[in-house]
Every structure is written in C-alpha cells, then in structure tokens.
PDB file of N, CA and C in Angstrom:
ATOM      1  N   MET A   1      -0.501   4.889 -10.389  1.00  0.00           N
ATOM      2  CA  MET A   1       0.826   5.427 -10.199  1.00  0.00           C
ATOM      3  C   MET A   1       1.806   4.510 -10.919  1.00  0.00           C
ATOM      4  N   PHE A   2       2.730   5.098 -11.566  1.00  0.00           N
ATOM      5  CA  PHE A   2       3.719   4.334 -12.298  1.00  0.00           C
ATOM      6  C   PHE A   2       5.104   4.811 -11.882  1.00  0.00           C
ATOM      7  N   GLY A   3       6.037   3.870 -11.766  1.00  0.00           N
ATOM      8  CA  GLY A   3       7.386   4.217 -11.384  1.00  0.00           C
ATOM      9  C   GLY A   3       8.122   3.018 -10.854  1.00  0.00           C
ATOM     10  N   THR A   4       9.097   3.279  -9.985  1.00  0.00           N
ATOM     11  CA  THR A   4       9.940   2.221  -9.445  1.00  0.00           C
ATOM     12  C   THR A   4       9.904   2.257  -7.928  1.00  0.00           C
ATOM     13  N   LEU A   5       9.700   1.093  -7.335  1.00  0.00           N
ATOM     14  CA  LEU A   5       9.718   0.935  -5.885  1.00  0.00           C
ATOM     15  C   LEU A   5      10.930   0.079  -5.554  1.00  0.00           C
ATOM     16  N   THR A   6      11.820   0.584  -4.711  1.00  0.00           N
ATOM     17  CA  THR A   6      13.020  -0.149  -4.326  1.00  0.00           C
ATOM     18  C   THR A   6      12.878  -0.630  -2.895  1.00  0.00           C
ATOM     19  N   GLN A   7      13.089  -1.943  -2.690  1.00  0.00           N
ATOM     20  CA  GLN A   7      12.974  -2.542  -1.358  1.00  0.00           C
ATOM     21  C   GLN A   7      14.280  -3.226  -0.977  1.00  0.00           C
ATOM     22  N   ASN A   8      14.498  -3.368   0.340  1.00  0.00           N
ATOM     23  CA  ASN A   8      15.654  -4.123   0.798  1.00  0.00           C
ATOM     24  C   ASN A   8      15.273  -5.595   0.928  1.00  0.00           C
ATOM     25  N   ALA A   9      16.185  -6.430   1.427  1.00  0.00           N
ATOM     26  CA  ALA A   9      15.945  -7.869   1.545  1.00  0.00           C
ATOM     27  C   ALA A   9      14.786  -8.192   2.476  1.00  0.00           C
ATOM     28  N   LYS A  10      14.474  -7.295   3.412  1.00  0.00           N
ATOM     29  CA  LYS A  10      13.355  -7.510   4.340  1.00  0.00           C
ATOM     30  C   LYS A  10      12.028  -7.054   3.751  1.00  0.00           C
ATOM     31  N   GLY A  11      12.056  -6.492   2.565  1.00  0.00           N
ATOM     32  CA  GLY A  11      10.834  -6.006   1.936  1.00  0.00           C
ATOM     33  C   GLY A  11      10.460  -4.592   2.337  1.00  0.00           C
ATOM     34  N   GLN A  12      11.351  -3.918   3.039  1.00  0.00           N
ATOM     35  CA  GLN A  12      11.088  -2.541   3.449  1.00  0.00           C
ATOM     36  C   GLN A  12      11.360  -1.598   2.278  1.00  0.00           C
ATOM     37  N   VAL A  13      10.484  -0.626   2.116  1.00  0.00           N
ATOM     38  CA  VAL A  13      10.634   0.336   1.019  1.00  0.00           C
ATOM     39  C   VAL A  13      11.787   1.278   1.329  1.00  0.00           C
ATOM     40  N   LEU A  14      12.705   1.379   0.386  1.00  0.00           N
ATOM     41  CA  LEU A  14      13.851   2.266   0.534  1.00  0.00           C
ATOM     42  C   LEU A  14      13.682   3.537  -0.293  1.00  0.00           C
ATOM     43  N   ALA A  15      13.055   3.406  -1.457  1.00  0.00           N
ATOM     44  CA  ALA A  15      12.893   4.565  -2.336  1.00  0.00           C
ATOM     45  C   ALA A  15      11.700   4.351  -3.255  1.00  0.00           C
ATOM     46  N   ILE A  16      11.070   5.455  -3.624  1.00  0.00           N
ATOM     47  CA  ILE A  16       9.977   5.439  -4.584  1.00  0.00           C
ATOM     48  C   ILE A  16      10.265   6.527  -5.607  1.00  0.00           C
ATOM     49  N   HIS A  17      10.310   6.124  -6.869  1.00  0.00           N
ATOM     50  CA  HIS A  17      10.506   7.080  -7.960  1.00  0.00           C
ATOM     51  C   HIS A  17       9.247   7.033  -8.815  1.00  0.00           C
ATOM     52  N   VAL A  18       8.466   8.102  -8.785  1.00  0.00           N
ATOM     53  CA  VAL A  18       7.196   8.157  -9.495  1.00  0.00           C
ATOM     54  C   VAL A  18       7.392   8.833 -10.845  1.00  0.00           C
ATOM     55  N   THR A  19       6.921   8.154 -11.897  1.00  0.00           N
ATOM     56  CA  THR A  19       7.019   8.731 -13.230  1.00  0.00           C
ATOM     57  C   THR A  19       5.678   9.245 -13.737  1.00  0.00           C
ATOM     58  N   ASP A  20       4.578   8.737 -13.154  1.00  0.00           N
ATOM     59  CA  ASP A  20       3.250   9.155 -13.580  1.00  0.00           C
ATOM     60  C   ASP A  20       2.267   8.832 -12.464  1.00  0.00           C
ATOM     61  N   ILE A  21       1.258   9.656 -12.312  1.00  0.00           N
ATOM     62  CA  ILE A  21       0.230   9.450 -11.293  1.00  0.00           C
ATOM     63  C   ILE A  21      -1.130   9.398 -11.973  1.00  0.00           C
ATOM     64  N   GLU A  22      -1.916   8.389 -11.610  1.00  0.00           N
ATOM     65  CA  GLU A  22      -3.264   8.260 -12.149  1.00  0.00           C
ATOM     66  C   GLU A  22      -4.253   8.779 -11.112  1.00  0.00           C
ATOM     67  N   ILE A  23      -5.096   9.704 -11.499  1.00  0.00           N
ATOM     68  CA  ILE A  23      -6.102  10.250 -10.601  1.00  0.00           C
ATOM     69  C   ILE A  23      -7.245   9.247 -10.494  1.00  0.00           C
ATOM     70  N   LEU A  24      -7.532   8.796  -9.280  1.00  0.00           N
ATOM     71  CA  LEU A  24      -8.610   7.845  -9.044  1.00  0.00           C
ATOM     72  C   LEU A  24      -9.903   8.587  -8.756  1.00  0.00           C
ATOM     73  N   PRO A  25     -11.036   7.917  -8.954  1.00  0.00           N
ATOM     74  CA  PRO A  25     -12.314   8.566  -8.647  1.00  0.00           C
ATOM     75  C   PRO A  25     -12.371   8.952  -7.171  1.00  0.00           C
ATOM     76  N   SER A  26     -13.141   9.986  -6.874  1.00  0.00           N
ATOM     77  CA  SER A  26     -13.279  10.383  -5.477  1.00  0.00           C
ATOM     78  C   SER A  26     -14.009   9.288  -4.712  1.00  0.00           C
ATOM     79  N   THR A  27     -13.878   9.288  -3.399  1.00  0.00           N
ATOM     80  CA  THR A  27     -14.510   8.251  -2.579  1.00  0.00           C
ATOM     81  C   THR A  27     -16.026   8.299  -2.669  1.00  0.00           C
ATOM     82  N   THR A  28     -16.591   9.414  -3.110  1.00  0.00           N
ATOM     83  CA  THR A  28     -18.042   9.480  -3.258  1.00  0.00           C
ATOM     84  C   THR A  28     -18.512   8.627  -4.425  1.00  0.00           C
ATOM     85  N   ARG A  29     -17.620   8.362  -5.375  1.00  0.00           N
ATOM     86  CA  ARG A  29     -17.984   7.532  -6.529  1.00  0.00           C
ATOM     87  C   ARG A  29     -17.362   6.143  -6.469  1.00  0.00           C
ATOM     88  N   LEU A  30     -16.430   5.921  -5.567  1.00  0.00           N
ATOM     89  CA  LEU A  30     -15.747   4.634  -5.449  1.00  0.00           C
ATOM     90  C   LEU A  30     -16.429   3.810  -4.366  1.00  0.00           C
ATOM     91  N   PRO A  31     -16.938   2.607  -4.698  1.00  0.00           N
ATOM     92  CA  PRO A  31     -17.623   1.788  -3.690  1.00  0.00           C
ATOM     93  C   PRO A  31     -16.709   1.469  -2.512  1.00  0.00           C
ATOM     94  N   ARG A  32     -17.266   1.541  -1.309  1.00  0.00           N
ATOM     95  CA  ARG A  32     -16.499   1.288  -0.086  1.00  0.00           C
ATOM     96  C   ARG A  32     -15.834  -0.082  -0.116  1.00  0.00           C
ATOM     97  N   ALA A  33     -16.486  -1.076  -0.701  1.00  0.00           N
ATOM     98  CA  ALA A  33     -15.920  -2.423  -0.769  1.00  0.00           C
ATOM     99  C   ALA A  33     -14.589  -2.425  -1.531  1.00  0.00           C
ATOM    100  N   ASP A  34     -14.440  -1.520  -2.495  1.00  0.00           N
ATOM    101  CA  ASP A  34     -13.198  -1.439  -3.255  1.00  0.00           C
ATOM    102  C   ASP A  34     -12.039  -0.913  -2.411  1.00  0.00           C
ATOM    103  N   LEU A  35     -12.341  -0.235  -1.323  1.00  0.00           N
ATOM    104  CA  LEU A  35     -11.304   0.327  -0.459  1.00  0.00           C
ATOM    105  C   LEU A  35     -10.917  -0.606   0.683  1.00  0.00           C
ATOM    106  N   ALA A  36     -11.686  -1.652   0.915  1.00  0.00           N
ATOM    107  CA  ALA A  36     -11.477  -2.524   2.081  1.00  0.00           C
ATOM    108  C   ALA A  36     -10.067  -3.093   2.144  1.00  0.00           C
ATOM    109  N   GLY A  37      -9.520  -3.519   1.016  1.00  0.00           N
ATOM    110  CA  GLY A  37      -8.180  -4.099   1.014  1.00  0.00           C
ATOM    111  C   GLY A  37      -7.103  -3.118   0.650  1.00  0.00           C
ATOM    112  N   GLY A  38      -7.463  -1.887   0.444  1.00  0.00           N
ATOM    113  CA  GLY A  38      -6.494  -0.890   0.013  1.00  0.00           C
ATOM    114  C   GLY A  38      -6.253  -1.012  -1.485  1.00  0.00           C
ATOM    115  N   PHE A  39      -5.399  -0.177  -2.017  1.00  0.00           N
ATOM    116  CA  PHE A  39      -5.137  -0.202  -3.448  1.00  0.00           C
ATOM    117  C   PHE A  39      -3.992  -1.141  -3.797  1.00  0.00           C
ATOM    118  N   TYR A  40      -3.246  -1.601  -2.805  1.00  0.00           N
ATOM    119  CA  TYR A  40      -2.112  -2.501  -3.033  1.00  0.00           C
ATOM    120  C   TYR A  40      -2.093  -3.529  -1.904  1.00  0.00           C
ATOM    121  N   PRO A  41      -3.133  -4.412  -1.818  1.00  0.00           N
ATOM    122  CA  PRO A  41      -3.245  -5.347  -0.697  1.00  0.00           C
ATOM    123  C   PRO A  41      -2.098  -6.340  -0.617  1.00  0.00           C
ATOM    124  N   GLU A  42      -1.419  -6.640  -1.721  1.00  0.00           N
ATOM    125  CA  GLU A  42      -0.314  -7.590  -1.687  1.00  0.00           C
ATOM    126  C   GLU A  42       0.859  -7.072  -0.850  1.00  0.00           C
ATOM    127  N   MET A  43       0.927  -5.763  -0.674  1.00  0.00           N
ATOM    128  CA  MET A  43       2.035  -5.159   0.060  1.00  0.00           C
ATOM    129  C   MET A  43       2.082  -5.616   1.516  1.00  0.00           C
ATOM    130  N   THR A  44       0.927  -5.889   2.102  1.00  0.00           N
ATOM    131  CA  THR A  44       0.880  -6.261   3.518  1.00  0.00           C
ATOM    132  C   THR A  44       0.803  -7.766   3.732  1.00  0.00           C
ATOM    133  N   GLY A  45       0.870  -8.546   2.662  1.00  0.00           N
ATOM    134  CA  GLY A  45       0.806  -9.993   2.812  1.00  0.00           C
ATOM    135  C   GLY A  45      -0.530 -10.469   3.353  1.00  0.00           C
ATOM    136  N   GLY A  46      -1.588  -9.749   3.063  1.00  0.00           N
ATOM    137  CA  GLY A  46      -2.916 -10.136   3.508  1.00  0.00           C
ATOM    138  C   GLY A  46      -3.300  -9.593   4.869  1.00  0.00           C
ATOM    139  N   LEU A  47      -2.404  -8.850   5.519  1.00  0.00           N
ATOM    140  CA  LEU A  47      -2.708  -8.263   6.825  1.00  0.00           C
ATOM    141  C   LEU A  47      -3.519  -6.988   6.647  1.00  0.00           C
ATOM    142  N   THR A  48      -4.309  -6.653   7.660  1.00  0.00           N
ATOM    143  CA  THR A  48      -4.993  -5.363   7.646  1.00  0.00           C
ATOM    144  C   THR A  48      -3.935  -4.288   7.869  1.00  0.00           C
ATOM    145  N   ALA A  49      -4.305  -3.045   7.646  1.00  0.00           N
ATOM    146  CA  ALA A  49      -3.356  -1.945   7.861  1.00  0.00           C
ATOM    147  C   ALA A  49      -2.873  -1.923   9.305  1.00  0.00           C
ATOM    148  N   ALA A  50      -3.787  -2.114  10.251  1.00  0.00           N
ATOM    149  CA  ALA A  50      -3.416  -2.099  11.678  1.00  0.00           C
ATOM    150  C   ALA A  50      -2.474  -3.245  12.006  1.00  0.00           C
ATOM    151  N   GLU A  51      -2.748  -4.435  11.467  1.00  0.00           N
ATOM    152  CA  GLU A  51      -1.870  -5.585  11.721  1.00  0.00           C
ATOM    153  C   GLU A  51      -0.494  -5.357  11.108  1.00  0.00           C
ATOM    154  N   HIS A  52      -0.469  -4.823   9.897  1.00  0.00           N
ATOM    155  CA  HIS A  52       0.799  -4.557   9.211  1.00  0.00           C
ATOM    156  C   HIS A  52       1.645  -3.551   9.996  1.00  0.00           C
ATOM    157  N   LEU A  53       1.011  -2.485  10.473  1.00  0.00           N
ATOM    158  CA  LEU A  53       1.752  -1.492  11.255  1.00  0.00           C
ATOM    159  C   LEU A  53       2.272  -2.084  12.564  1.00  0.00           C
ATOM    160  N   ALA A  54       1.489  -2.956  13.192  1.00  0.00           N
ATOM    161  CA  ALA A  54       1.939  -3.599  14.430  1.00  0.00           C
ATOM    162  C   ALA A  54       3.181  -4.436  14.169  1.00  0.00           C
ATOM    163  N   VAL A  55       3.236  -5.126  13.049  1.00  0.00           N
ATOM    164  CA  VAL A  55       4.409  -5.926  12.698  1.00  0.00           C
ATOM    165  C   VAL A  55       5.615  -5.013  12.479  1.00  0.00           C
ATOM    166  N   ILE A  56       5.421  -3.928  11.730  1.00  0.00           N
ATOM    167  CA  ILE A  56       6.508  -2.987  11.457  1.00  0.00           C
ATOM    168  C   ILE A  56       7.051  -2.401  12.768  1.00  0.00           C
ATOM    169  N   ARG A  57       6.154  -2.110  13.697  1.00  0.00           N
ATOM    170  CA  ARG A  57       6.559  -1.504  14.972  1.00  0.00           C
ATOM    171  C   ARG A  57       7.090  -2.522  15.979  1.00  0.00           C
ATOM    172  N   GLY A  58       7.055  -3.816  15.614  1.00  0.00           N
ATOM    173  CA  GLY A  58       7.534  -4.861  16.524  1.00  0.00           C
ATOM    174  C   GLY A  58       6.560  -5.183  17.634  1.00  0.00           C
ATOM    175  N   GLU A  59       5.296  -4.860  17.437  1.00  0.00           N
ATOM    176  CA  GLU A  59       4.282  -5.088  18.461  1.00  0.00           C
ATOM    177  C   GLU A  59       3.526  -6.400  18.238  1.00  0.00           C
ATOM    178  N   ALA A  60       3.813  -7.098  17.157  1.00  0.00           N
ATOM    179  CA  ALA A  60       3.093  -8.342  16.866  1.00  0.00           C
ATOM    180  C   ALA A  60       4.061  -9.497  16.738  1.00  0.00           C
TER     181      ALA A  60
END
C-alpha cells in the first residue's frame, strides 16, 4: 500500500490517503511465520495486537 498516513502528537492515526494498493499473496501461499508480527509491526512498538488494543482502550 502506498500513500500518506497522518498522525497526531500521540501517534494516533488521523487520516489515511491511499494512492496505490499492492495485492499480497493469499494466506494459503504466505507462511504463517510471516504473519506473526503483522505487516507493519513497528506501528505497535513491539506489542502484540491484543496488547496494543489494551493500551489504546486504557486497559493496560
């Protein structure tokens, strides 16, 4: 995916403007290990998806 991601000072996404989308292989051809960290692991600061959501929700 190509485009612009706009965040506020807290790092929260405010807007996404997509200029192009790259079709990824289906999960039947993509090794499970490649999905473990997601496609953009830097977004969560190394947290798992569940941990990241808990932080966003104020539960952590």
